[in-house]
All heavy atoms as atom14 arrays in JSON, in Angstrom:
{
  "sequence": "TLDIDIENLGLLTDLLGGLNVLVYSPVDAVGENGER",
  "atom14_mask": [
    [1, 1, 1, 1, 1, 1, 1, 0, 0, 0, 0, 0, 0, 0],
    [1, 1, 1, 1, 1, 1, 1, 1, 0, 0, 0, 0, 0, 0],
    [1, 1, 1, 1, 1, 1, 1, 1, 0, 0, 0, 0, 0, 0],
    [1, 1, 1, 1, 1, 1, 1, 1, 0, 0, 0, 0, 0, 0],
    [1, 1, 1, 1, 1, 1, 1, 1, 0, 0, 0, 0, 0, 0],
    [1, 1, 1, 1, 1, 1, 1, 1, 0, 0, 0, 0, 0, 0],
    [1, 1, 1, 1, 1, 1, 1, 1, 1, 0, 0, 0, 0, 0],
    [1, 1, 1, 1, 1, 1, 1, 1, 0, 0, 0, 0, 0, 0],
    [1, 1, 1, 1, 1, 1, 1, 1, 0, 0, 0, 0, 0, 0],
    [1, 1, 1, 1, 0, 0, 0, 0, 0, 0, 0, 0, 0, 0],
    [1, 1, 1, 1, 1, 1, 1, 1, 0, 0, 0, 0, 0, 0],
    [1, 1, 1, 1, 1, 1, 1, 1, 0, 0, 0, 0, 0, 0],
    [1, 1, 1, 1, 1, 1, 1, 0, 0, 0, 0, 0, 0, 0],
    [1, 1, 1, 1, 1, 1, 1, 1, 0, 0, 0, 0, 0, 0],
    [1, 1, 1, 1, 1, 1, 1, 1, 0, 0, 0, 0, 0, 0],
    [1, 1, 1, 1, 1, 1, 1, 1, 0, 0, 0, 0, 0, 0],
    [1, 1, 1, 1, 0, 0, 0, 0, 0, 0, 0, 0, 0, 0],
    [1, 1, 1, 1, 0, 0, 0, 0, 0, 0, 0, 0, 0, 0],
    [1, 1, 1, 1, 1, 1, 1, 1, 0, 0, 0, 0, 0, 0],
    [1, 1, 1, 1, 1, 1, 1, 1, 0, 0, 0, 0, 0, 0],
    [1, 1, 1, 1, 1, 1, 1, 0, 0, 0, 0, 0, 0, 0],
    [1, 1, 1, 1, 1, 1, 1, 1, 0, 0, 0, 0, 0, 0],
    [1, 1, 1, 1, 1, 1, 1, 0, 0, 0, 0, 0, 0, 0],
    [1, 1, 1, 1, 1, 1, 1, 1, 1, 1, 1, 1, 0, 0],
    [1, 1, 1, 1, 1, 1, 0, 0, 0, 0, 0, 0, 0, 0],
    [1, 1, 1, 1, 1, 1, 1, 0, 0, 0, 0, 0, 0, 0],
    [1, 1, 1, 1, 1, 1, 1, 0, 0, 0, 0, 0, 0, 0],
    [1, 1, 1, 1, 1, 1, 1, 1, 0, 0, 0, 0, 0, 0],
    [1, 1, 1, 1, 1, 0, 0, 0, 0, 0, 0, 0, 0, 0],
    [1, 1, 1, 1, 1, 1, 1, 0, 0, 0, 0, 0, 0, 0],
    [1, 1, 1, 1, 0, 0, 0, 0, 0, 0, 0, 0, 0, 0],
    [1, 1, 1, 1, 1, 1, 1, 1, 1, 0, 0, 0, 0, 0],
    [1, 1, 1, 1, 1, 1, 1, 1, 0, 0, 0, 0, 0, 0],
    [1, 1, 1, 1, 0, 0, 0, 0, 0, 0, 0, 0, 0, 0],
    [1, 1, 1, 1, 1, 1, 1, 1, 1, 0, 0, 0, 0, 0],
    [1, 1, 1, 1, 1, 1, 1, 1, 1, 1, 1, 0, 0, 0]
  ],
  "atom14_positions": [
    [[23.25, -10.53, -10.43], [21.92, -10.01, -10.74], [20.87, -10.79, -9.95], [21.0, -12.0, -9.76], [21.6, -10.12, -12.25], [21.69, -11.49, -12.65], [22.54, -9.29, -13.07], [0.0, 0.0, 0.0], [0.0, 0.0, 0.0], [0.0, 0.0, 0.0], [0.0, 0.0, 0.0], [0.0, 0.0, 0.0], [0.0, 0.0, 0.0], [0.0, 0.0, 0.0]],
    [[19.85, -10.08, -9.5], [18.71, -10.69, -8.84], [17.45, -10.17, -9.51], [17.15, -8.97, -9.44], [18.69, -10.36, -7.34], [17.5, -10.9, -6.54], [17.48, -12.42, -6.59], [17.57, -10.42, -5.1], [0.0, 0.0, 0.0], [0.0, 0.0, 0.0], [0.0, 0.0, 0.0], [0.0, 0.0, 0.0], [0.0, 0.0, 0.0], [0.0, 0.0, 0.0]],
    [[16.73, -11.05, -10.2], [15.54, -10.69, -10.96], [14.35, -11.41, -10.34], [14.31, -12.63, -10.32], [15.73, -11.11, -12.43], [14.63, -10.61, -13.34], [13.91, -9.66, -12.97], [14.48, -11.18, -14.43], [0.0, 0.0, 0.0], [0.0, 0.0, 0.0], [0.0, 0.0, 0.0], [0.0, 0.0, 0.0], [0.0, 0.0, 0.0], [0.0, 0.0, 0.0]],
    [[13.36, -10.66, -9.85], [12.23, -11.25, -9.15], [10.93, -10.69, -9.72], [10.81, -9.48, -9.92], [12.32, -11.0, -7.63], [11.13, -11.59, -6.89], [12.44, -9.53, -7.32], [11.28, -11.55, -5.38], [0.0, 0.0, 0.0], [0.0, 0.0, 0.0], [0.0, 0.0, 0.0], [0.0, 0.0, 0.0], [0.0, 0.0, 0.0], [0.0, 0.0, 0.0]],
    [[9.97, -11.58, -10.03], [8.69, -11.08, -10.55], [7.77, -10.71, -9.41], [7.97, -11.07, -8.26], [8.05, -12.08, -11.52], [7.55, -13.35, -10.86], [6.84, -13.27, -9.84], [7.87, -14.44, -11.36], [0.0, 0.0, 0.0], [0.0, 0.0, 0.0], [0.0, 0.0, 0.0], [0.0, 0.0, 0.0], [0.0, 0.0, 0.0], [0.0, 0.0, 0.0]],
    [[6.72, -9.95, -9.74], [5.86, -9.36, -8.71], [5.12, -10.42, -7.9], [4.88, -10.23, -6.7], [4.88, -8.35, -9.36], [4.19, -7.52, -8.28], [3.89, -9.06, -10.25], [3.39, -6.37, -8.84], [0.0, 0.0, 0.0], [0.0, 0.0, 0.0], [0.0, 0.0, 0.0], [0.0, 0.0, 0.0], [0.0, 0.0, 0.0], [0.0, 0.0, 0.0]],
    [[4.77, -11.54, -8.52], [4.09, -12.59, -7.78], [5.0, -13.2, -6.73], [4.61, -13.42, -5.58], [3.59, -13.68, -8.75], [2.51, -13.2, -9.71], [1.27, -12.69, -8.98], [0.91, -13.27, -7.93], [0.68, -11.71, -9.45], [0.0, 0.0, 0.0], [0.0, 0.0, 0.0], [0.0, 0.0, 0.0], [0.0, 0.0, 0.0], [0.0, 0.0, 0.0]],
    [[6.24, -13.47, -7.11], [7.19, -14.02, -6.16], [7.65, -12.98, -5.14], [8.05, -13.34, -4.03], [8.37, -14.62, -6.9], [8.03, -15.96, -7.51], [7.35, -16.78, -6.91], [8.49, -16.2, -8.73], [0.0, 0.0, 0.0], [0.0, 0.0, 0.0], [0.0, 0.0, 0.0], [0.0, 0.0, 0.0], [0.0, 0.0, 0.0], [0.0, 0.0, 0.0]],
    [[7.59, -11.7, -5.5], [7.84, -10.65, -4.51], [6.81, -10.75, -3.39], [7.15, -10.61, -2.2], [7.78, -9.27, -5.17], [7.88, -8.07, -4.22], [9.24, -8.03, -3.53], [7.61, -6.77, -4.97], [0.0, 0.0, 0.0], [0.0, 0.0, 0.0], [0.0, 0.0, 0.0], [0.0, 0.0, 0.0], [0.0, 0.0, 0.0], [0.0, 0.0, 0.0]],
    [[5.56, -11.0, -3.76], [4.53, -11.17, -2.75], [4.8, -12.37, -1.86], [4.65, -12.3, -0.63], [0.0, 0.0, 0.0], [0.0, 0.0, 0.0], [0.0, 0.0, 0.0], [0.0, 0.0, 0.0], [0.0, 0.0, 0.0], [0.0, 0.0, 0.0], [0.0, 0.0, 0.0], [0.0, 0.0, 0.0], [0.0, 0.0, 0.0], [0.0, 0.0, 0.0]],
    [[5.21, -13.48, -2.46], [5.53, -14.68, -1.67], [6.7, -14.42, -0.72], [6.66, -14.8, 0.45], [5.86, -15.84, -2.6], [4.73, -16.43, -3.44], [5.28, -17.47, -4.4], [3.65, -17.03, -2.56], [0.0, 0.0, 0.0], [0.0, 0.0, 0.0], [0.0, 0.0, 0.0], [0.0, 0.0, 0.0], [0.0, 0.0, 0.0], [0.0, 0.0, 0.0]],
    [[7.74, -13.78, -1.24], [8.91, -13.49, -0.43], [8.56, -12.55, 0.72], [9.03, -12.71, 1.85], [10.01, -12.88, -1.3], [11.35, -12.55, -0.61], [11.93, -13.78, 0.06], [12.32, -11.96, -1.61], [0.0, 0.0, 0.0], [0.0, 0.0, 0.0], [0.0, 0.0, 0.0], [0.0, 0.0, 0.0], [0.0, 0.0, 0.0], [0.0, 0.0, 0.0]],
    [[7.71, -11.56, 0.43], [7.26, -10.63, 1.47], [6.6, -11.38, 2.63], [6.88, -11.12, 3.8], [6.28, -9.61, 0.88], [6.96, -8.8, -0.09], [5.71, -8.7, 1.96], [0.0, 0.0, 0.0], [0.0, 0.0, 0.0], [0.0, 0.0, 0.0], [0.0, 0.0, 0.0], [0.0, 0.0, 0.0], [0.0, 0.0, 0.0], [0.0, 0.0, 0.0]],
    [[5.71, -12.31, 2.3], [5.04, -13.08, 3.34], [6.01, -13.96, 4.12], [5.9, -14.11, 5.35], [3.92, -13.94, 2.73], [2.73, -13.11, 2.28], [2.53, -12.01, 2.83], [2.0, -13.56, 1.37], [0.0, 0.0, 0.0], [0.0, 0.0, 0.0], [0.0, 0.0, 0.0], [0.0, 0.0, 0.0], [0.0, 0.0, 0.0], [0.0, 0.0, 0.0]],
    [[7.0, -14.53, 3.43], [8.0, -15.34, 4.11], [8.82, -14.52, 5.1], [9.26, -15.02, 6.14], [8.94, -16.0, 3.09], [8.36, -17.14, 2.25], [9.33, -17.54, 1.16], [8.04, -18.35, 3.14], [0.0, 0.0, 0.0], [0.0, 0.0, 0.0], [0.0, 0.0, 0.0], [0.0, 0.0, 0.0], [0.0, 0.0, 0.0], [0.0, 0.0, 0.0]],
    [[9.01, -13.23, 4.78], [9.79, -12.34, 5.63], [8.94, -11.67, 6.71], [9.45, -10.88, 7.51], [10.48, -11.27, 4.79], [11.59, -11.76, 3.84], [12.01, -10.65, 2.89], [12.79, -12.27, 4.63], [0.0, 0.0, 0.0], [0.0, 0.0, 0.0], [0.0, 0.0, 0.0], [0.0, 0.0, 0.0], [0.0, 0.0, 0.0], [0.0, 0.0, 0.0]],
    [[7.64, -11.97, 6.73], [6.78, -11.37, 7.74], [6.26, -10.0, 7.39], [5.79, -9.26, 8.27], [0.0, 0.0, 0.0], [0.0, 0.0, 0.0], [0.0, 0.0, 0.0], [0.0, 0.0, 0.0], [0.0, 0.0, 0.0], [0.0, 0.0, 0.0], [0.0, 0.0, 0.0], [0.0, 0.0, 0.0], [0.0, 0.0, 0.0], [0.0, 0.0, 0.0]],
    [[6.33, -9.61, 6.11], [5.84, -8.31, 5.67], [6.97, -7.32, 5.46], [8.09, -7.51, 5.94], [0.0, 0.0, 0.0], [0.0, 0.0, 0.0], [0.0, 0.0, 0.0], [0.0, 0.0, 0.0], [0.0, 0.0, 0.0], [0.0, 0.0, 0.0], [0.0, 0.0, 0.0], [0.0, 0.0, 0.0], [0.0, 0.0, 0.0], [0.0, 0.0, 0.0]],
    [[6.67, -6.24, 4.72], [7.63, -5.16, 4.47], [7.1, -3.87, 5.06], [5.94, -3.52, 4.88], [7.87, -4.98, 2.97], [8.43, -6.17, 2.2], [8.72, -5.77, 0.75], [9.7, -6.71, 2.86], [0.0, 0.0, 0.0], [0.0, 0.0, 0.0], [0.0, 0.0, 0.0], [0.0, 0.0, 0.0], [0.0, 0.0, 0.0], [0.0, 0.0, 0.0]],
    [[7.97, -3.15, 5.75], [7.59, -1.9, 6.41], [7.85, -0.72, 5.5], [9.0, -0.44, 5.14], [8.37, -1.75, 7.72], [7.88, -0.59, 8.56], [8.44, 0.5, 8.51], [6.83, -0.83, 9.33], [0.0, 0.0, 0.0], [0.0, 0.0, 0.0], [0.0, 0.0, 0.0], [0.0, 0.0, 0.0], [0.0, 0.0, 0.0], [0.0, 0.0, 0.0]],
    [[6.78, -0.02, 5.1], [6.9, 1.12, 4.2], [6.03, 2.27, 4.71], [5.15, 2.08, 5.54], [6.48, 0.77, 2.75], [7.36, -0.32, 2.17], [5.01, 0.35, 2.71], [0.0, 0.0, 0.0], [0.0, 0.0, 0.0], [0.0, 0.0, 0.0], [0.0, 0.0, 0.0], [0.0, 0.0, 0.0], [0.0, 0.0, 0.0], [0.0, 0.0, 0.0]],
    [[6.28, 3.46, 4.18], [5.49, 4.64, 4.53], [4.51, 4.92, 3.39], [4.9, 5.15, 2.25], [6.4, 5.84, 4.75], [5.69, 7.17, 5.03], [4.86, 7.08, 6.31], [6.7, 8.32, 5.12], [0.0, 0.0, 0.0], [0.0, 0.0, 0.0], [0.0, 0.0, 0.0], [0.0, 0.0, 0.0], [0.0, 0.0, 0.0], [0.0, 0.0, 0.0]],
    [[3.21, 4.91, 3.73], [2.16, 5.28, 2.78], [1.67, 6.66, 3.21], [1.11, 6.82, 4.3], [0.99, 4.27, 2.8], [-0.07, 4.66, 1.78], [1.49, 2.86, 2.53], [0.0, 0.0, 0.0], [0.0, 0.0, 0.0], [0.0, 0.0, 0.0], [0.0, 0.0, 0.0], [0.0, 0.0, 0.0], [0.0, 0.0, 0.0], [0.0, 0.0, 0.0]],
    [[1.91, 7.66, 2.36], [1.68, 9.05, 2.78], [0.2, 9.37, 3.0], [-0.14, 10.16, 3.88], [2.26, 10.0, 1.73], [3.77, 9.97, 1.68], [4.45, 9.27, 0.68], [4.53, 10.61, 2.66], [5.84, 9.23, 0.66], [5.91, 10.58, 2.64], [6.56, 9.89, 1.63], [7.93, 9.83, 1.62], [0.0, 0.0, 0.0], [0.0, 0.0, 0.0]],
    [[-0.68, 8.78, 2.23], [-2.12, 9.01, 2.4], [-2.88, 7.75, 2.01], [-2.36, 6.93, 1.23], [-2.58, 10.2, 1.54], [-2.29, 9.98, 0.17], [0.0, 0.0, 0.0], [0.0, 0.0, 0.0], [0.0, 0.0, 0.0], [0.0, 0.0, 0.0], [0.0, 0.0, 0.0], [0.0, 0.0, 0.0], [0.0, 0.0, 0.0], [0.0, 0.0, 0.0]],
    [[-4.09, 7.56, 2.54], [-4.84, 6.34, 2.21], [-5.08, 6.22, 0.71], [-5.26, 7.22, 0.0], [-6.17, 6.54, 2.96], [-5.88, 7.55, 4.01], [-4.82, 8.45, 3.45], [0.0, 0.0, 0.0], [0.0, 0.0, 0.0], [0.0, 0.0, 0.0], [0.0, 0.0, 0.0], [0.0, 0.0, 0.0], [0.0, 0.0, 0.0], [0.0, 0.0, 0.0]],
    [[-5.05, 4.99, 0.23], [-5.26, 4.73, -1.19], [-6.56, 3.96, -1.38], [-6.76, 2.9, -0.77], [-4.08, 3.92, -1.8], [-4.37, 3.57, -3.26], [-2.79, 4.71, -1.67], [0.0, 0.0, 0.0], [0.0, 0.0, 0.0], [0.0, 0.0, 0.0], [0.0, 0.0, 0.0], [0.0, 0.0, 0.0], [0.0, 0.0, 0.0], [0.0, 0.0, 0.0]],
    [[-7.44, 4.5, -2.19], [-8.69, 3.83, -2.58], [-8.92, 4.21, -4.03], [-9.48, 5.27, -4.33], [-9.85, 4.27, -1.69], [-11.13, 3.48, -1.99], [-11.16, 2.74, -3.0], [-12.1, 3.62, -1.23], [0.0, 0.0, 0.0], [0.0, 0.0, 0.0], [0.0, 0.0, 0.0], [0.0, 0.0, 0.0], [0.0, 0.0, 0.0], [0.0, 0.0, 0.0]],
    [[-8.44, 3.38, -4.94], [-8.47, 3.71, -6.35], [-8.8, 2.48, -7.18], [-8.7, 1.34, -6.72], [-7.12, 4.29, -6.79], [0.0, 0.0, 0.0], [0.0, 0.0, 0.0], [0.0, 0.0, 0.0], [0.0, 0.0, 0.0], [0.0, 0.0, 0.0], [0.0, 0.0, 0.0], [0.0, 0.0, 0.0], [0.0, 0.0, 0.0], [0.0, 0.0, 0.0]],
    [[-9.2, 2.73, -8.42], [-9.52, 1.66, -9.37], [-8.55, 1.77, -10.54], [-8.37, 2.85, -11.12], [-10.97, 1.76, -9.87], [-11.25, 0.66, -10.89], [-11.94, 1.65, -8.69], [0.0, 0.0, 0.0], [0.0, 0.0, 0.0], [0.0, 0.0, 0.0], [0.0, 0.0, 0.0], [0.0, 0.0, 0.0], [0.0, 0.0, 0.0], [0.0, 0.0, 0.0]],
    [[-7.91, 0.66, -10.89], [-6.95, 0.64, -11.99], [-7.61, 0.62, -13.35], [-8.83, 0.55, -13.49], [0.0, 0.0, 0.0], [0.0, 0.0, 0.0], [0.0, 0.0, 0.0], [0.0, 0.0, 0.0], [0.0, 0.0, 0.0], [0.0, 0.0, 0.0], [0.0, 0.0, 0.0], [0.0, 0.0, 0.0], [0.0, 0.0, 0.0], [0.0, 0.0, 0.0]],
    [[-6.76, 0.66, -14.39], [-7.25, 0.71, -15.77], [-8.09, -0.51, -16.14], [-9.0, -0.43, -16.97], [-6.07, 0.83, -16.74], [-5.29, 2.14, -16.61], [-4.14, 2.19, -17.58], [-3.89, 1.18, -18.27], [-3.47, 3.24, -17.65], [0.0, 0.0, 0.0], [0.0, 0.0, 0.0], [0.0, 0.0, 0.0], [0.0, 0.0, 0.0], [0.0, 0.0, 0.0]],
    [[-7.79, -1.65, -15.52], [-8.51, -2.88, -15.83], [-9.58, -3.22, -14.8], [-10.07, -4.34, -14.73], [-7.52, -4.05, -15.94], [-6.51, -3.84, -17.04], [-6.86, -3.39, -18.14], [-5.24, -4.14, -16.77], [0.0, 0.0, 0.0], [0.0, 0.0, 0.0], [0.0, 0.0, 0.0], [0.0, 0.0, 0.0], [0.0, 0.0, 0.0], [0.0, 0.0, 0.0]],
    [[-9.93, -2.21, -13.97], [-10.98, -2.41, -13.0], [-10.53, -2.96, -11.66], [-11.36, -3.17, -10.76], [0.0, 0.0, 0.0], [0.0, 0.0, 0.0], [0.0, 0.0, 0.0], [0.0, 0.0, 0.0], [0.0, 0.0, 0.0], [0.0, 0.0, 0.0], [0.0, 0.0, 0.0], [0.0, 0.0, 0.0], [0.0, 0.0, 0.0], [0.0, 0.0, 0.0]],
    [[-9.23, -3.18, -11.48], [-8.73, -3.71, -10.22], [-8.82, -2.64, -9.13], [-8.63, -1.46, -9.4], [-7.3, -4.22, -10.35], [-6.26, -3.19, -10.72], [-6.11, -2.98, -12.22], [-7.1, -3.12, -12.96], [-4.98, -2.67, -12.65], [0.0, 0.0, 0.0], [0.0, 0.0, 0.0], [0.0, 0.0, 0.0], [0.0, 0.0, 0.0], [0.0, 0.0, 0.0]],
    [[-9.13, -3.04, -7.9], [-9.29, -2.11, -6.78], [-8.01, -2.06, -5.97], [-7.47, -3.1, -5.58], [-10.45, -2.58, -5.89], [-10.85, -1.58, -4.81], [-11.64, -0.44, -5.38], [-12.1, 0.48, -4.35], [-13.24, 0.32, -3.68], [-14.02, -0.72, -3.93], [-13.61, 1.22, -2.79], [0.0, 0.0, 0.0], [0.0, 0.0, 0.0], [0.0, 0.0, 0.0]]
  ]
}
């Protein structure tokens, strides 16, 4: 099993030089707690 929390996912991503993904359309949204 490999269990990783979202904060450490961010750290690991930076250590790997980023993750390549497809974003279908630009995202500009505000979350339930006001996060952008």
